[in-house]
C-alpha atoms as a PDB file:
ATOM      1  CA  MET A   1       0.000   0.000   0.000  1.00  0.00           C
ATOM      2  CA  VAL A   2       1.383   3.397  -1.005  1.00  0.00           C
ATOM      3  CA  LYS A   3       1.597   6.014   1.750  1.00  0.00           C
ATOM      4  CA  ASN A   4       0.665   9.590   0.826  1.00  0.00           C
ATOM      5  CA  VAL A   5       3.021  11.889   2.744  1.00  0.00           C
ATOM      6  CA  LEU A   6       3.277  15.672   2.844  1.00  0.00           C
ATOM      7  CA  TRP A   7       7.046  16.101   2.544  1.00  0.00           C
ATOM      8  CA  THR A   8       8.800  19.464   2.860  1.00  0.00           C
ATOM      9  CA  GLY A   9      12.379  18.382   3.456  1.00  0.00           C
ATOM     10  CA  GLY A  10      11.978  19.163   7.160  1.00  0.00           C
ATOM     11  CA  TRP A  11      13.008  16.986  10.110  1.00  0.00           C
ATOM     12  CA  ASP A  12       9.638  15.376  10.837  1.00  0.00           C
ATOM     13  CA  SER A  13       8.374  14.567   7.343  1.00  0.00           C
ATOM     14  CA  THR A  14      11.849  13.434   6.252  1.00  0.00           C
ATOM     15  CA  PHE A  15      12.040  11.052   9.198  1.00  0.00           C
ATOM     16  CA  ARG A  16       8.720   9.559   8.136  1.00  0.00           C
ATOM     17  CA  ILE A  17       9.898   9.174   4.532  1.00  0.00           C
ATOM     18  CA  LEU A  18      13.149   7.504   5.610  1.00  0.00           C
ATOM     19  CA  ASP A  19      11.454   5.215   8.122  1.00  0.00           C
ATOM     20  CA  LEU A  20       8.920   4.059   5.543  1.00  0.00           C
ATOM     21  CA  VAL A  21      11.272   3.645   2.594  1.00  0.00           C
ATOM     22  CA  LEU A  22      14.405   2.330   4.331  1.00  0.00           C
ATOM     23  CA  SER A  23      13.163   0.618   7.504  1.00  0.00           C
ATOM     24  CA  LYS A  24       9.674  -0.586   6.628  1.00  0.00           C
ATOM     25  CA  LYS A  25      10.363  -1.042   2.890  1.00  0.00           C
ATOM     26  CA  GLU A  26       7.075   0.639   2.024  1.00  0.00           C
ATOM     27  CA  SER A  27       6.249   2.769  -1.010  1.00  0.00           C
ATOM     28  CA  VAL A  28       5.697   6.503  -0.631  1.00  0.00           C
ATOM     29  CA  GLN A  29       3.958   9.154  -2.712  1.00  0.00           C
ATOM     30  CA  PRO A  30       5.305  12.552  -1.579  1.00  0.00           C
ATOM     31  CA  PHE A  31       3.205  15.721  -1.878  1.00  0.00           C
ATOM     32  CA  TYR A  32       4.554  19.269  -1.820  1.00  0.00           C
ATOM     33  CA  ILE A  33       2.699  22.583  -1.817  1.00  0.00           C
ATOM     34  CA  LEU A  34       4.664  24.957  -4.041  1.00  0.00           C
ATOM     35  CA  ASP A  35       4.678  28.545  -2.770  1.00  0.00           C
ATOM     36  CA  SER A  36       6.964  30.695  -4.921  1.00  0.00           C
ATOM     37  CA  ASP A  37       6.607  33.611  -2.488  1.00  0.00           C
ATOM     38  CA  ARG A  38       8.159  31.690   0.411  1.00  0.00           C
ATOM     39  CA  ASN A  39      11.887  32.369   0.732  1.00  0.00           C
ATOM     40  CA  SER A  40      12.652  28.800   1.763  1.00  0.00           C
ATOM     41  CA  THR A  41      11.027  27.087  -1.245  1.00  0.00           C
ATOM     42  CA  PRO A  42      14.206  26.744  -3.394  1.00  0.00           C
ATOM     43  CA  LEU A  43      16.159  25.285  -0.468  1.00  0.00           C
ATOM     44  CA  GLU A  44      13.369  22.873   0.428  1.00  0.00           C
ATOM     45  CA  LEU A  45      13.276  21.532  -3.133  1.00  0.00           C
ATOM     46  CA  LYS A  46      17.068  21.272  -3.258  1.00  0.00           C
ATOM     47  CA  THR A  47      17.095  19.497   0.114  1.00  0.00           C
ATOM     48  CA  MET A  48      14.580  16.859  -0.976  1.00  0.00           C
ATOM     49  CA  ASP A  49      16.522  16.136  -4.170  1.00  0.00           C
ATOM     50  CA  LYS A  50      19.693  15.638  -2.123  1.00  0.00           C
ATOM     51  CA  ILE A  51      17.912  13.388   0.371  1.00  0.00           C
ATOM     52  CA  LYS A  52      16.576  11.192  -2.441  1.00  0.00           C
ATOM     53  CA  LYS A  53      20.150  10.671  -3.680  1.00  0.00           C
ATOM     54  CA  LEU A  54      21.338   9.807  -0.173  1.00  0.00           C
ATOM     55  CA  ILE A  55      18.511   7.281   0.169  1.00  0.00           C
ATOM     56  CA  LEU A  56      19.677   5.574  -3.018  1.00  0.00           C
ATOM     57  CA  GLU A  57      23.213   5.336  -1.654  1.00  0.00           C
ATOM     58  CA  ILE A  58      21.915   3.299   1.286  1.00  0.00           C
ATOM     59  CA  ASP A  59      19.431   1.220  -0.700  1.00  0.00           C
ATOM     60  CA  PRO A  60      19.552   1.421  -4.522  1.00  0.00           C
ATOM     61  CA  GLN A  61      16.309  -0.570  -4.739  1.00  0.00           C
ATOM     62  CA  SER A  62      14.478   2.208  -2.906  1.00  0.00           C
ATOM     63  CA  LYS A  63      14.149   4.072  -6.225  1.00  0.00           C
ATOM     64  CA  ASP A  64      11.078   1.901  -6.830  1.00  0.00           C
ATOM     65  CA  ARG A  65       9.554   2.789  -3.451  1.00  0.00           C
ATOM     66  CA  ILE A  66       9.734   6.586  -3.475  1.00  0.00           C
ATOM     67  CA  PHE A  67       7.729   8.162  -6.277  1.00  0.00           C
ATOM     68  CA  ASP A  68       8.170  11.566  -7.886  1.00  0.00           C
ATOM     69  CA  HIS A  69       6.635  14.443  -5.967  1.00  0.00           C
ATOM     70  CA  ILE A  70       3.112  15.577  -6.717  1.00  0.00           C
ATOM     71  CA  MET A  71       3.548  19.358  -6.819  1.00  0.00           C
ATOM     72  CA  ILE A  72       0.579  21.594  -5.980  1.00  0.00           C
ATOM     73  CA  ASN A  73       0.716  25.313  -6.662  1.00  0.00           C
ATOM     74  CA  ILE A  74      -0.667  27.075  -3.613  1.00  0.00           C
ATOM     75  CA  ASN A  75      -2.415  29.616  -5.863  1.00  0.00           C
ATOM     76  CA  ASN A  76      -4.432  26.846  -7.503  1.00  0.00           C
ATOM     77  CA  ILE A  77      -5.938  25.489  -4.288  1.00  0.00           C
ATOM     78  CA  PRO A  78      -9.697  26.177  -4.339  1.00  0.00           C
ATOM     79  CA  ILE A  79     -11.297  28.594  -1.920  1.00  0.00           C
ATOM     80  CA  ASN A  80     -13.361  26.944   0.797  1.00  0.00           C
ATOM     81  CA  GLU A  81     -14.945  29.466   3.148  1.00  0.00           C
ATOM     82  CA  GLU A  82     -16.127  26.853   5.634  1.00  0.00           C
ATOM     83  CA  ILE A  83     -12.607  25.498   6.132  1.00  0.00           C
ATOM     84  CA  THR A  84     -11.088  28.981   6.287  1.00  0.00           C
ATOM     85  CA  ASN A  85     -13.678  30.088   8.851  1.00  0.00           C
ATOM     86  CA  ASP A  86     -12.969  27.011  10.987  1.00  0.00           C
ATOM     87  CA  TYR A  87      -9.238  27.667  10.743  1.00  0.00           C
ATOM     88  CA  SER A  88      -9.740  31.334  11.674  1.00  0.00           C
ATOM     89  CA  TYR A  89     -11.686  30.348  14.780  1.00  0.00           C
ATOM     90  CA  LEU A  90      -9.046  27.851  15.933  1.00  0.00           C
ATOM     91  CA  GLN A  91      -6.365  30.445  15.392  1.00  0.00           C
ATOM     92  CA  THR A  92      -8.031  32.643  18.010  1.00  0.00           C
ATOM     93  CA  LEU A  93      -7.459  29.901  20.599  1.00  0.00           C
ATOM     94  CA  SER A  94      -3.722  29.475  20.024  1.00  0.00           C
ATOM     95  CA  HIS A  95      -1.106  29.908  17.319  1.00  0.00           C
ATOM     96  CA  LEU A  96      -1.897  27.831  14.245  1.00  0.00           C
ATOM     97  CA  GLY A  97       0.110  28.209  11.037  1.00  0.00           C
ATOM     98  CA  SER A  98      -1.643  29.269   7.831  1.00  0.00           C
ATOM     99  CA  GLN A  99      -0.720  25.937   6.229  1.00  0.00           C
ATOM    100  CA  TYR A 100      -3.536  24.296   8.160  1.00  0.00           C
ATOM    101  CA  ASP A 101      -5.985  26.353   6.121  1.00  0.00           C
ATOM    102  CA  TRP A 102      -4.675  25.689   2.620  1.00  0.00           C
ATOM    103  CA  LEU A 103      -3.628  22.092   3.288  1.00  0.00           C
ATOM    104  CA  ALA A 104      -7.170  21.257   4.381  1.00  0.00           C
ATOM    105  CA  ARG A 105      -8.616  23.069   1.380  1.00  0.00           C
ATOM    106  CA  TYR A 106      -6.385  21.053  -0.931  1.00  0.00           C
ATOM    107  CA  ALA A 107      -7.208  17.711   0.704  1.00  0.00           C
ATOM    108  CA  ASP A 108     -10.910  18.516   0.636  1.00  0.00           C
ATOM    109  CA  SER A 109     -10.794  19.474  -3.051  1.00  0.00           C
ATOM    110  CA  MET A 110      -9.106  16.128  -3.851  1.00  0.00           C
ATOM    111  CA  GLN A 111     -11.435  14.163  -1.540  1.00  0.00           C
ATOM    112  CA  MET A 112      -8.452  12.793   0.361  1.00  0.00           C
ATOM    113  CA  ASN A 113      -8.674  11.490   3.908  1.00  0.00           C
ATOM    114  CA  ASP A 114      -5.437   9.528   4.228  1.00  0.00           C
ATOM    115  CA  ILE A 115      -2.652  12.000   3.556  1.00  0.00           C
ATOM    116  CA  GLU A 116       0.028  11.871   6.239  1.00  0.00           C
ATOM    117  CA  LEU A 117       0.755  15.059   8.153  1.00  0.00           C
ATOM    118  CA  CYS A 118       3.796  14.765  10.394  1.00  0.00           C
ATOM    119  CA  ILE A 119       2.687  16.738  13.437  1.00  0.00           C
ATOM    120  CA  HIS A 120       4.838  15.553  16.331  1.00  0.00           C
ATOM    121  CA  LEU A 121       4.667  15.593  20.123  1.00  0.00           C
ATOM    122  CA  ASP A 122       4.963  19.170  21.426  1.00  0.00           C
ATOM    123  CA  ASP A 123       4.168  20.595  17.978  1.00  0.00           C
ATOM    124  CA  LYS A 124       2.061  23.753  18.197  1.00  0.00           C
ATOM    125  CA  ALA A 125      -0.734  22.030  16.259  1.00  0.00           C
ATOM    126  CA  GLU A 126      -0.697  19.012  18.595  1.00  0.00           C
ATOM    127  CA  PHE A 127      -2.335  21.264  21.189  1.00  0.00           C
ATOM    128  CA  PHE A 128      -5.533  21.283  19.143  1.00  0.00           C
ATOM    129  CA  ILE A 129      -5.953  17.577  18.429  1.00  0.00           C
ATOM    130  CA  LYS A 130      -4.175  15.629  21.188  1.00  0.00           C
ATOM    131  CA  ASP A 131      -7.442  14.884  23.043  1.00  0.00           C
ATOM    132  CA  ASP A 132      -9.494  14.252  19.914  1.00  0.00           C
ATOM    133  CA  VAL A 133      -7.612  11.492  18.135  1.00  0.00           C
ATOM    134  CA  GLU A 134      -7.708   7.714  18.175  1.00  0.00           C
ATOM    135  CA  LEU A 135      -4.945   5.200  17.474  1.00  0.00           C
ATOM    136  CA  ILE A 136      -5.281   3.104  14.326  1.00  0.00           C
ATOM    137  CA  LYS A 137      -3.081   0.005  14.098  1.00  0.00           C
ATOM    138  CA  ASN A 138      -2.369  -1.403  10.665  1.00  0.00           C
ATOM    139  CA  ASP A 139       0.006  -4.365  10.326  1.00  0.00           C
ATOM    140  CA  ALA A 140       3.510  -3.187  11.349  1.00  0.00           C
ATOM    141  CA  ASP A 141       2.551   0.482  11.159  1.00  0.00           C
ATOM    142  CA  SER A 142       0.204   2.718  13.124  1.00  0.00           C
ATOM    143  CA  TYR A 143      -1.083   6.283  13.105  1.00  0.00           C
ATOM    144  CA  TYR A 144      -3.536   8.596  14.825  1.00  0.00           C
ATOM    145  CA  LYS A 145      -6.651  10.005  13.232  1.00  0.00           C
ATOM    146  CA  LEU A 146      -9.220  12.572  14.301  1.00  0.00           C
ATOM    147  CA  LYS A 147     -12.273  11.071  15.989  1.00  0.00           C
ATOM    148  CA  ASP A 148     -15.563  11.112  14.085  1.00  0.00           C
ATOM    149  CA  LYS A 149     -17.031  13.493  16.652  1.00  0.00           C
ATOM    150  CA  PRO A 150     -14.295  15.793  17.971  1.00  0.00           C
ATOM    151  CA  SER A 151     -14.884  18.135  20.899  1.00  0.00           C
ATOM    152  CA  LYS A 152     -15.066  21.148  18.549  1.00  0.00           C
ATOM    153  CA  SER A 153     -16.688  20.975  15.140  1.00  0.00           C
ATOM    154  CA  GLU A 154     -13.985  23.321  13.772  1.00  0.00           C
ATOM    155  CA  LEU A 155     -11.414  20.563  14.291  1.00  0.00           C
ATOM    156  CA  HIS A 156     -12.874  19.030  11.160  1.00  0.00           C
ATOM    157  CA  ILE A 157     -10.024  20.721   9.261  1.00  0.00           C
ATOM    158  CA  PHE A 158      -7.753  17.985  10.702  1.00  0.00           C
ATOM    159  CA  SER A 159      -9.993  15.118   9.552  1.00  0.00           C
ATOM    160  CA  TYR A 160      -8.198  14.665   6.217  1.00  0.00           C
ATOM    161  CA  TYR A 161      -4.979  13.332   7.701  1.00  0.00           C
ATOM    162  CA  HIS A 162      -3.185  10.443   9.287  1.00  0.00           C
ATOM    163  CA  PHE A 163      -0.775  11.480  12.060  1.00  0.00           C
ATOM    164  CA  PRO A 164       1.995   8.845  12.268  1.00  0.00           C
ATOM    165  CA  LEU A 165       4.352  10.864  14.519  1.00  0.00           C
ATOM    166  CA  LEU A 166       1.887  12.488  16.901  1.00  0.00           C
ATOM    167  CA  LYS A 167       3.332  10.878  20.045  1.00  0.00           C
ATOM    168  CA  MET A 168       6.989  11.157  19.035  1.00  0.00           C
ATOM    169  CA  THR A 169       9.455  13.992  19.762  1.00  0.00           C
ATOM    170  CA  LYS A 170      12.153  15.286  17.438  1.00  0.00           C
ATOM    171  CA  LEU A 171      14.822  13.852  19.751  1.00  0.00           C
ATOM    172  CA  GLU A 172      13.161  10.423  19.630  1.00  0.00           C
ATOM    173  CA  MET A 173      13.180  10.614  15.841  1.00  0.00           C
ATOM    174  CA  GLY A 174      16.893  11.369  15.971  1.00  0.00           C
ATOM    175  CA  LYS A 175      17.578   8.351  18.209  1.00  0.00           C
ATOM    176  CA  THR A 176      15.561   6.065  15.920  1.00  0.00           C
ATOM    177  CA  ALA A 177      17.361   7.437  12.867  1.00  0.00           C
ATOM    178  CA  LYS A 178      20.744   6.733  14.483  1.00  0.00           C
ATOM    179  CA  ARG A 179      19.680   3.220  15.425  1.00  0.00           C
ATOM    180  CA  ASN A 180      18.471   2.520  11.882  1.00  0.00           C
ATOM    181  CA  GLY A 181      21.480   3.991  10.106  1.00  0.00           C
ATOM    182  CA  PHE A 182      20.116   7.153   8.520  1.00  0.00           C
ATOM    183  CA  GLN A 183      20.987   9.833  11.060  1.00  0.00           C
ATOM    184  CA  HIS A 184      23.391  11.463   8.579  1.00  0.00           C
ATOM    185  CA  ILE A 185      20.503  12.027   6.172  1.00  0.00           C
ATOM    186  CA  MET A 186      18.430  13.679   8.900  1.00  0.00           C
ATOM    187  CA  GLU A 187      21.231  16.231   9.299  1.00  0.00           C
ATOM    188  CA  GLU A 188      20.568  17.391   5.727  1.00  0.00           C
ATOM    189  CA  THR A 189      16.973  18.446   6.467  1.00  0.00           C
ATOM    190  CA  TRP A 190      15.845  22.060   6.215  1.00  0.00           C
ATOM    191  CA  PHE A 191      13.579  24.036   8.559  1.00  0.00           C
ATOM    192  CA  CYS A 192      14.142  27.813   8.272  1.00  0.00           C
ATOM    193  CA  TYR A 193      11.562  30.034   6.518  1.00  0.00           C
ATOM    194  CA  ASN A 194      13.969  32.912   5.913  1.00  0.00           C
ATOM    195  CA  PRO A 195      17.397  31.581   4.923  1.00  0.00           C
ATOM    196  CA  THR A 196      20.316  33.987   4.785  1.00  0.00           C
ATOM    197  CA  LYS A 197      22.055  34.897   1.532  1.00  0.00           C
ATOM    198  CA  ASP A 198      24.665  32.196   2.122  1.00  0.00           C
ATOM    199  CA  GLY A 199      21.974  29.538   2.614  1.00  0.00           C
ATOM    200  CA  THR A 200      22.115  29.155   6.386  1.00  0.00           C
ATOM    201  CA  PRO A 201      19.163  29.320   8.828  1.00  0.00           C
ATOM    202  CA  CYS A 202      18.257  32.806  10.057  1.00  0.00           C
ATOM    203  CA  GLY A 203      17.872  31.724  13.687  1.00  0.00           C
ATOM    204  CA  MET A 204      14.891  34.061  14.232  1.00  0.00           C
ATOM    205  CA  CYS A 205      11.861  32.743  12.320  1.00  0.00           C
ATOM    206  CA  ASN A 206       9.288  30.551  14.071  1.00  0.00           C
ATOM    207  CA  PRO A 207      10.675  27.245  12.700  1.00  0.00           C
ATOM    208  CA  CYS A 208      14.147  28.223  13.923  1.00  0.00           C
ATOM    209  CA  ILE A 209      12.739  29.094  17.341  1.00  0.00           C
ATOM    210  CA  TYR A 210      10.734  25.847  17.547  1.00  0.00           C
ATOM    211  CA  THR A 211      13.726  23.781  16.425  1.00  0.00           C
ATOM    212  CA  ARG A 212      15.784  25.322  19.228  1.00  0.00           C
ATOM    213  CA  GLU A 213      13.007  24.805  21.802  1.00  0.00           C
ATOM    214  CA  GLU A 214      12.506  21.157  20.825  1.00  0.00           C
ATOM    215  CA  GLY A 215      16.062  20.091  21.562  1.00  0.00           C
ATOM    216  CA  LEU A 216      17.840  20.634  18.252  1.00  0.00           C
ATOM    217  CA  GLY A 217      19.395  23.982  19.021  1.00  0.00           C
ATOM    218  CA  ARG A 218      22.746  22.734  17.702  1.00  0.00           C
ATOM    219  CA  ARG A 219      21.283  23.114  14.201  1.00  0.00           C
ATOM    220  CA  VAL A 220      20.221  26.737  14.691  1.00  0.00           C
ATOM    221  CA  PRO A 221      22.875  29.488  14.507  1.00  0.00           C
ATOM    222  CA  ASP A 222      22.649  32.523  16.741  1.00  0.00           C
ATOM    223  CA  PRO A 223      21.378  35.516  14.747  1.00  0.00           C
ATOM    224  CA  THR A 224      23.784  38.426  14.282  1.00  0.00           C
ATOM    225  CA  ILE A 225      23.096  41.888  15.667  1.00  0.00           C
ATOM    226  CA  LEU A 226      22.468  43.113  12.109  1.00  0.00           C
ATOM    227  CA  MET A 227      19.897  40.373  11.509  1.00  0.00           C
ATOM    228  CA  LYS A 228      18.105  41.272  14.744  1.00  0.00           C
ATOM    229  CA  LEU A 229      18.107  44.934  13.761  1.00  0.00           C
ATOM    230  CA  ASN A 230      16.723  44.144  10.293  1.00  0.00           C
ATOM    231  CA  LYS A 231      13.938  42.081  11.819  1.00  0.00           C
ATOM    232  CA  LYS A 232      13.051  44.903  14.216  1.00  0.00           C
ATOM    233  CA  VAL A 233      12.967  47.446  11.387  1.00  0.00           C
ATOM    234  CA  LYS A 234      10.839  45.172   9.209  1.00  0.00           C
ATOM    235  CA  GLY A 235       8.423  44.667  12.110  1.00  0.00           C
ATOM    236  CA  LYS A 236       7.999  48.402  12.552  1.00  0.00           C
ATOM    237  CA  ILE A 237       7.472  48.910   8.812  1.00  0.00           C
ATOM    238  CA  ASN A 238       4.851  46.145   8.669  1.00  0.00           C
ATOM    239  CA  GLY A 239       3.116  47.602  11.718  1.00  0.00           C
ATOM    240  CA  LEU A 240       3.023  51.015  10.074  1.00  0.00           C
ATOM    241  CA  LYS A 241       1.579  49.499   6.892  1.00  0.00           C
ATOM    242  CA  ARG A 242      -1.185  47.817   8.890  1.00  0.00           C
ATOM    243  CA  ARG A 243      -2.095  51.077  10.613  1.00  0.00           C
ATOM    244  CA  LEU A 244      -2.138  52.991   7.321  1.00  0.00           C
ATOM    245  CA  LYS A 245      -4.324  50.301   5.781  1.00  0.00           C
ATOM    246  CA  HIS A 246      -6.736  50.642   8.698  1.00  0.00           C
ATOM    247  CA  PHE A 247      -7.047  54.378   8.194  1.00  0.00           C
ATOM    248  CA  ASN A 248      -7.561  53.965   4.463  1.00  0.00           C
END
């Protein structure tokens, strides 16, 4: 059975790809939402190409188990006001990234309910679903899925996914990767939204902050004084734009 996995080249989704393809010898269909406006997109694509080559070095036969990406242009995802309204409500309760709006809209438009989303233990999104999921065991694999009747109807935006890593931390993934011989590939993963000109993580965006908080601070450089100053200036400019827009 082919697993449908949202793969970005990040730590969590890459671990799932490697575990399936190399350890479990299962076939994977990766999905990627292409956003040309996101600064990290070129590096994410480059990272996934490199990881595929590293997988082949370990197991040449894996070329038959990892299919070419299905690329989805974010601008082509249909509008769905119900999903967006549900997302907007949940966002008022706690931080929830915008991807949970357009990912759900894509899955709904394709009538998918089995695409794997690699939310992990202590992930910001785990806060919303941790008490509303049930464990599904399937042969040698298992995953969590949203209950048919969650505590909030708005949680329906998470009903399209399987959550294979929901009870696993990033550090646990690292230990499993080391034990199974693909830790070196995990070190090639990418996480920063705003890479510097020389292709290193900025150390200040949310993914950099979360990576540091979740025990992988060794992978996040300390931002320079200039970078901090630039971020502060950009914040003030964006705040001014919002106020001007309000008056207009």
